Amino acid sequence: MEKLLKPSEAAEILSLRKLTIYRWIKAGKIKAVRLPDGRLRVAESELEKIVKPEQ
């Protein structure tokens, strides 16, 4: 199973602010999963799409 990261963890990995991650989720640039309690999680593969875009 793929690891799901908190938006703050994703921001730290990408050296961005947490707000940027939330904006990217809202804009559809990266996909997020909403947990039953309402919290968001970002799959590690979504971060790879940002770091290594397909050519």
PDB file of N, CA and C in Angstrom:
ATOM      1  N   MET A   1       0.841  -1.186   0.000  1.00  0.00           N
ATOM      2  CA  MET A   1       0.000   0.000   0.000  1.00  0.00           C
ATOM      3  C   MET A   1       0.886   1.249   0.000  1.00  0.00           C
ATOM      4  N   GLU A   2       0.468   2.215  -0.762  1.00  0.00           N
ATOM      5  CA  GLU A   2       1.238   3.450  -0.909  1.00  0.00           C
ATOM      6  C   GLU A   2       1.115   4.322   0.341  1.00  0.00           C
ATOM      7  N   LYS A   3       2.202   4.996   0.668  1.00  0.00           N
ATOM      8  CA  LYS A   3       2.222   5.856   1.845  1.00  0.00           C
ATOM      9  C   LYS A   3       1.482   7.155   1.558  1.00  0.00           C
ATOM     10  N   LEU A   4       0.624   7.540   2.499  1.00  0.00           N
ATOM     11  CA  LEU A   4      -0.103   8.798   2.398  1.00  0.00           C
ATOM     12  C   LEU A   4       0.524   9.795   3.355  1.00  0.00           C
ATOM     13  N   LEU A   5       0.733  11.004   2.867  1.00  0.00           N
ATOM     14  CA  LEU A   5       1.404  12.045   3.643  1.00  0.00           C
ATOM     15  C   LEU A   5       0.436  13.157   4.016  1.00  0.00           C
ATOM     16  N   LYS A   6       0.680  13.756   5.167  1.00  0.00           N
ATOM     17  CA  LYS A   6      -0.059  14.956   5.539  1.00  0.00           C
ATOM     18  C   LYS A   6       0.383  16.082   4.598  1.00  0.00           C
ATOM     19  N   PRO A   7      -0.486  17.058   4.338  1.00  0.00           N
ATOM     20  CA  PRO A   7      -0.057  18.194   3.508  1.00  0.00           C
ATOM     21  C   PRO A   7       1.204  18.874   4.044  1.00  0.00           C
ATOM     22  N   SER A   8       1.353  18.945   5.358  1.00  0.00           N
ATOM     23  CA  SER A   8       2.554  19.563   5.928  1.00  0.00           C
ATOM     24  C   SER A   8       3.803  18.733   5.617  1.00  0.00           C
ATOM     25  N   GLU A   9       3.675  17.404   5.612  1.00  0.00           N
ATOM     26  CA  GLU A   9       4.801  16.529   5.266  1.00  0.00           C
ATOM     27  C   GLU A   9       5.157  16.677   3.786  1.00  0.00           C
ATOM     28  N   ALA A  10       4.131  16.745   2.941  1.00  0.00           N
ATOM     29  CA  ALA A  10       4.359  16.927   1.509  1.00  0.00           C
ATOM     30  C   ALA A  10       5.057  18.260   1.252  1.00  0.00           C
ATOM     31  N   ALA A  11       4.626  19.297   1.956  1.00  0.00           N
ATOM     32  CA  ALA A  11       5.232  20.620   1.802  1.00  0.00           C
ATOM     33  C   ALA A  11       6.697  20.590   2.211  1.00  0.00           C
ATOM     34  N   GLU A  12       7.000  19.892   3.288  1.00  0.00           N
ATOM     35  CA  GLU A  12       8.382  19.812   3.758  1.00  0.00           C
ATOM     36  C   GLU A  12       9.263  19.084   2.744  1.00  0.00           C
ATOM     37  N   ILE A  13       8.756  18.003   2.181  1.00  0.00           N
ATOM     38  CA  ILE A  13       9.518  17.243   1.186  1.00  0.00           C
ATOM     39  C   ILE A  13       9.815  18.089  -0.046  1.00  0.00           C
ATOM     40  N   LEU A  14       8.831  18.867  -0.474  1.00  0.00           N
ATOM     41  CA  LEU A  14       8.988  19.689  -1.677  1.00  0.00           C
ATOM     42  C   LEU A  14       9.577  21.072  -1.380  1.00  0.00           C
ATOM     43  N   SER A  15       9.876  21.353  -0.136  1.00  0.00           N
ATOM     44  CA  SER A  15      10.395  22.665   0.290  1.00  0.00           C
ATOM     45  C   SER A  15       9.429  23.789  -0.093  1.00  0.00           C
ATOM     46  N   LEU A  16       8.163  23.567   0.239  1.00  0.00           N
ATOM     47  CA  LEU A  16       7.112  24.551  -0.027  1.00  0.00           C
ATOM     48  C   LEU A  16       6.365  24.844   1.263  1.00  0.00           C
ATOM     49  N   ARG A  17       5.504  25.833   1.199  1.00  0.00           N
ATOM     50  CA  ARG A  17       4.629  26.113   2.335  1.00  0.00           C
ATOM     51  C   ARG A  17       3.418  25.195   2.266  1.00  0.00           C
ATOM     52  N   LYS A  18       2.848  24.889   3.423  1.00  0.00           N
ATOM     53  CA  LYS A  18       1.666  24.024   3.487  1.00  0.00           C
ATOM     54  C   LYS A  18       0.514  24.627   2.682  1.00  0.00           C
ATOM     55  N   LEU A  19       0.390  25.931   2.711  1.00  0.00           N
ATOM     56  CA  LEU A  19      -0.675  26.608   1.972  1.00  0.00           C
ATOM     57  C   LEU A  19      -0.566  26.333   0.473  1.00  0.00           C
ATOM     58  N   THR A  20       0.646  26.241  -0.041  1.00  0.00           N
ATOM     59  CA  THR A  20       0.850  25.947  -1.465  1.00  0.00           C
ATOM     60  C   THR A  20       0.294  24.570  -1.801  1.00  0.00           C
ATOM     61  N   ILE A  21       0.522  23.598  -0.941  1.00  0.00           N
ATOM     62  CA  ILE A  21       0.000  22.247  -1.162  1.00  0.00           C
ATOM     63  C   ILE A  21      -1.520  22.282  -1.207  1.00  0.00           C
ATOM     64  N   TYR A  22      -2.153  22.988  -0.268  1.00  0.00           N
ATOM     65  CA  TYR A  22      -3.617  23.100  -0.267  1.00  0.00           C
ATOM     66  C   TYR A  22      -4.123  23.780  -1.538  1.00  0.00           C
ATOM     67  N   ARG A  23      -3.416  24.787  -2.010  1.00  0.00           N
ATOM     68  CA  ARG A  23      -3.810  25.478  -3.247  1.00  0.00           C
ATOM     69  C   ARG A  23      -3.692  24.540  -4.447  1.00  0.00           C
ATOM     70  N   TRP A  24      -2.607  23.759  -4.492  1.00  0.00           N
ATOM     71  CA  TRP A  24      -2.426  22.812  -5.598  1.00  0.00           C
ATOM     72  C   TRP A  24      -3.506  21.747  -5.588  1.00  0.00           C
ATOM     73  N   ILE A  25      -3.912  21.298  -4.400  1.00  0.00           N
ATOM     74  CA  ILE A  25      -4.994  20.314  -4.304  1.00  0.00           C
ATOM     75  C   ILE A  25      -6.279  20.922  -4.846  1.00  0.00           C
ATOM     76  N   LYS A  26      -6.593  22.131  -4.421  1.00  0.00           N
ATOM     77  CA  LYS A  26      -7.823  22.805  -4.863  1.00  0.00           C
ATOM     78  C   LYS A  26      -7.813  23.043  -6.374  1.00  0.00           C
ATOM     79  N   ALA A  27      -6.644  23.382  -6.922  1.00  0.00           N
ATOM     80  CA  ALA A  27      -6.521  23.658  -8.354  1.00  0.00           C
ATOM     81  C   ALA A  27      -6.461  22.379  -9.193  1.00  0.00           C
ATOM     82  N   GLY A  28      -6.281  21.230  -8.554  1.00  0.00           N
ATOM     83  CA  GLY A  28      -6.210  19.975  -9.290  1.00  0.00           C
ATOM     84  C   GLY A  28      -4.815  19.624  -9.784  1.00  0.00           C
ATOM     85  N   LYS A  29      -3.812  20.352  -9.351  1.00  0.00           N
ATOM     86  CA  LYS A  29      -2.437  20.073  -9.770  1.00  0.00           C
ATOM     87  C   LYS A  29      -1.930  18.769  -9.152  1.00  0.00           C
ATOM     88  N   ILE A  30      -2.351  18.501  -7.929  1.00  0.00           N
ATOM     89  CA  ILE A  30      -2.083  17.207  -7.297  1.00  0.00           C
ATOM     90  C   ILE A  30      -3.392  16.685  -6.704  1.00  0.00           C
ATOM     91  N   LYS A  31      -3.501  15.373  -6.634  1.00  0.00           N
ATOM     92  CA  LYS A  31      -4.703  14.743  -6.084  1.00  0.00           C
ATOM     93  C   LYS A  31      -4.482  14.435  -4.609  1.00  0.00           C
ATOM     94  N   ALA A  32      -5.560  14.520  -3.871  1.00  0.00           N
ATOM     95  CA  ALA A  32      -5.512  14.211  -2.441  1.00  0.00           C
ATOM     96  C   ALA A  32      -6.678  13.295  -2.090  1.00  0.00           C
ATOM     97  N   VAL A  33      -6.524  12.582  -1.006  1.00  0.00           N
ATOM     98  CA  VAL A  33      -7.554  11.690  -0.494  1.00  0.00           C
ATOM     99  C   VAL A  33      -8.102  12.304   0.781  1.00  0.00           C
ATOM    100  N   ARG A  34      -9.413  12.349   0.883  1.00  0.00           N
ATOM    101  CA  ARG A  34     -10.027  12.858   2.116  1.00  0.00           C
ATOM    102  C   ARG A  34     -10.398  11.663   2.981  1.00  0.00           C
ATOM    103  N   LEU A  35      -9.884  11.651   4.191  1.00  0.00           N
ATOM    104  CA  LEU A  35     -10.165  10.586   5.142  1.00  0.00           C
ATOM    105  C   LEU A  35     -11.572  10.755   5.716  1.00  0.00           C
ATOM    106  N   PRO A  36     -12.148   9.698   6.290  1.00  0.00           N
ATOM    107  CA  PRO A  36     -13.507   9.800   6.842  1.00  0.00           C
ATOM    108  C   PRO A  36     -13.677  10.923   7.876  1.00  0.00           C
ATOM    109  N   ASP A  37     -12.605  11.263   8.580  1.00  0.00           N
ATOM    110  CA  ASP A  37     -12.718  12.346   9.568  1.00  0.00           C
ATOM    111  C   ASP A  37     -12.502  13.732   8.952  1.00  0.00           C
ATOM    112  N   GLY A  38     -12.314  13.798   7.614  1.00  0.00           N
ATOM    113  CA  GLY A  38     -12.211  15.079   6.913  1.00  0.00           C
ATOM    114  C   GLY A  38     -10.805  15.549   6.607  1.00  0.00           C
ATOM    115  N   ARG A  39      -9.799  14.887   7.177  1.00  0.00           N
ATOM    116  CA  ARG A  39      -8.415  15.299   6.925  1.00  0.00           C
ATOM    117  C   ARG A  39      -7.980  14.882   5.522  1.00  0.00           C
ATOM    118  N   LEU A  40      -7.051  15.636   4.946  1.00  0.00           N
ATOM    119  CA  LEU A  40      -6.522  15.347   3.612  1.00  0.00           C
ATOM    120  C   LEU A  40      -5.194  14.622   3.716  1.00  0.00           C
ATOM    121  N   ARG A  41      -4.937  13.747   2.746  1.00  0.00           N
ATOM    122  CA  ARG A  41      -3.653  13.061   2.632  1.00  0.00           C
ATOM    123  C   ARG A  41      -3.259  13.050   1.156  1.00  0.00           C
ATOM    124  N   VAL A  42      -1.951  13.152   0.916  1.00  0.00           N
ATOM    125  CA  VAL A  42      -1.408  13.172  -0.438  1.00  0.00           C
ATOM    126  C   VAL A  42      -0.541  11.925  -0.606  1.00  0.00           C
ATOM    127  N   ALA A  43      -0.761  11.192  -1.695  1.00  0.00           N
ATOM    128  CA  ALA A  43       0.036  10.000  -1.970  1.00  0.00           C
ATOM    129  C   ALA A  43       1.443  10.402  -2.406  1.00  0.00           C
ATOM    130  N   GLU A  44       2.419   9.585  -2.045  1.00  0.00           N
ATOM    131  CA  GLU A  44       3.805   9.864  -2.432  1.00  0.00           C
ATOM    132  C   GLU A  44       3.951   9.957  -3.948  1.00  0.00           C
ATOM    133  N   SER A  45       3.189   9.166  -4.681  1.00  0.00           N
ATOM    134  CA  SER A  45       3.285   9.187  -6.144  1.00  0.00           C
ATOM    135  C   SER A  45       2.884  10.547  -6.716  1.00  0.00           C
ATOM    136  N   GLU A  46       2.010  11.263  -6.028  1.00  0.00           N
ATOM    137  CA  GLU A  46       1.618  12.596  -6.476  1.00  0.00           C
ATOM    138  C   GLU A  46       2.799  13.564  -6.386  1.00  0.00           C
ATOM    139  N   LEU A  47       3.631  13.383  -5.372  1.00  0.00           N
ATOM    140  CA  LEU A  47       4.808  14.245  -5.240  1.00  0.00           C
ATOM    141  C   LEU A  47       5.817  13.946  -6.340  1.00  0.00           C
ATOM    142  N   GLU A  48       5.912  12.686  -6.714  1.00  0.00           N
ATOM    143  CA  GLU A  48       6.822  12.310  -7.799  1.00  0.00           C
ATOM    144  C   GLU A  48       6.409  12.964  -9.111  1.00  0.00           C
ATOM    145  N   LYS A  49       5.100  13.157  -9.316  1.00  0.00           N
ATOM    146  CA  LYS A  49       4.633  13.826 -10.537  1.00  0.00           C
ATOM    147  C   LYS A  49       5.125  15.270 -10.595  1.00  0.00           C
ATOM    148  N   ILE A  50       5.254  15.894  -9.435  1.00  0.00           N
ATOM    149  CA  ILE A  50       5.742  17.270  -9.367  1.00  0.00           C
ATOM    150  C   ILE A  50       7.244  17.320  -9.585  1.00  0.00           C
ATOM    151  N   VAL A  51       7.955  16.393  -8.937  1.00  0.00           N
ATOM    152  CA  VAL A  51       9.406  16.382  -8.994  1.00  0.00           C
ATOM    153  C   VAL A  51       9.922  15.888 -10.343  1.00  0.00           C
ATOM    154  N   LYS A  52       9.254  14.855 -10.882  1.00  0.00           N
ATOM    155  CA  LYS A  52       9.683  14.241 -12.148  1.00  0.00           C
ATOM    156  C   LYS A  52       8.510  14.251 -13.133  1.00  0.00           C
ATOM    157  N   PRO A  53       8.193  15.389 -13.724  1.00  0.00           N
ATOM    158  CA  PRO A  53       7.070  15.430 -14.673  1.00  0.00           C
ATOM    159  C   PRO A  53       7.363  14.578 -15.911  1.00  0.00           C
ATOM    160  N   GLU A  54       6.310  13.967 -16.420  1.00  0.00           N
ATOM    161  CA  GLU A  54       6.473  13.143 -17.636  1.00  0.00           C
ATOM    162  C   GLU A  54       6.848  14.036 -18.809  1.00  0.00           C
ATOM    163  N   GLN A  55       7.723  13.504 -19.638  1.00  0.00           N
ATOM    164  CA  GLN A  55       8.201  14.294 -20.768  1.00  0.00           C
ATOM    165  C   GLN A  55       7.556  13.900 -22.053  1.00  0.00           C
TER     166      GLN A  55
END
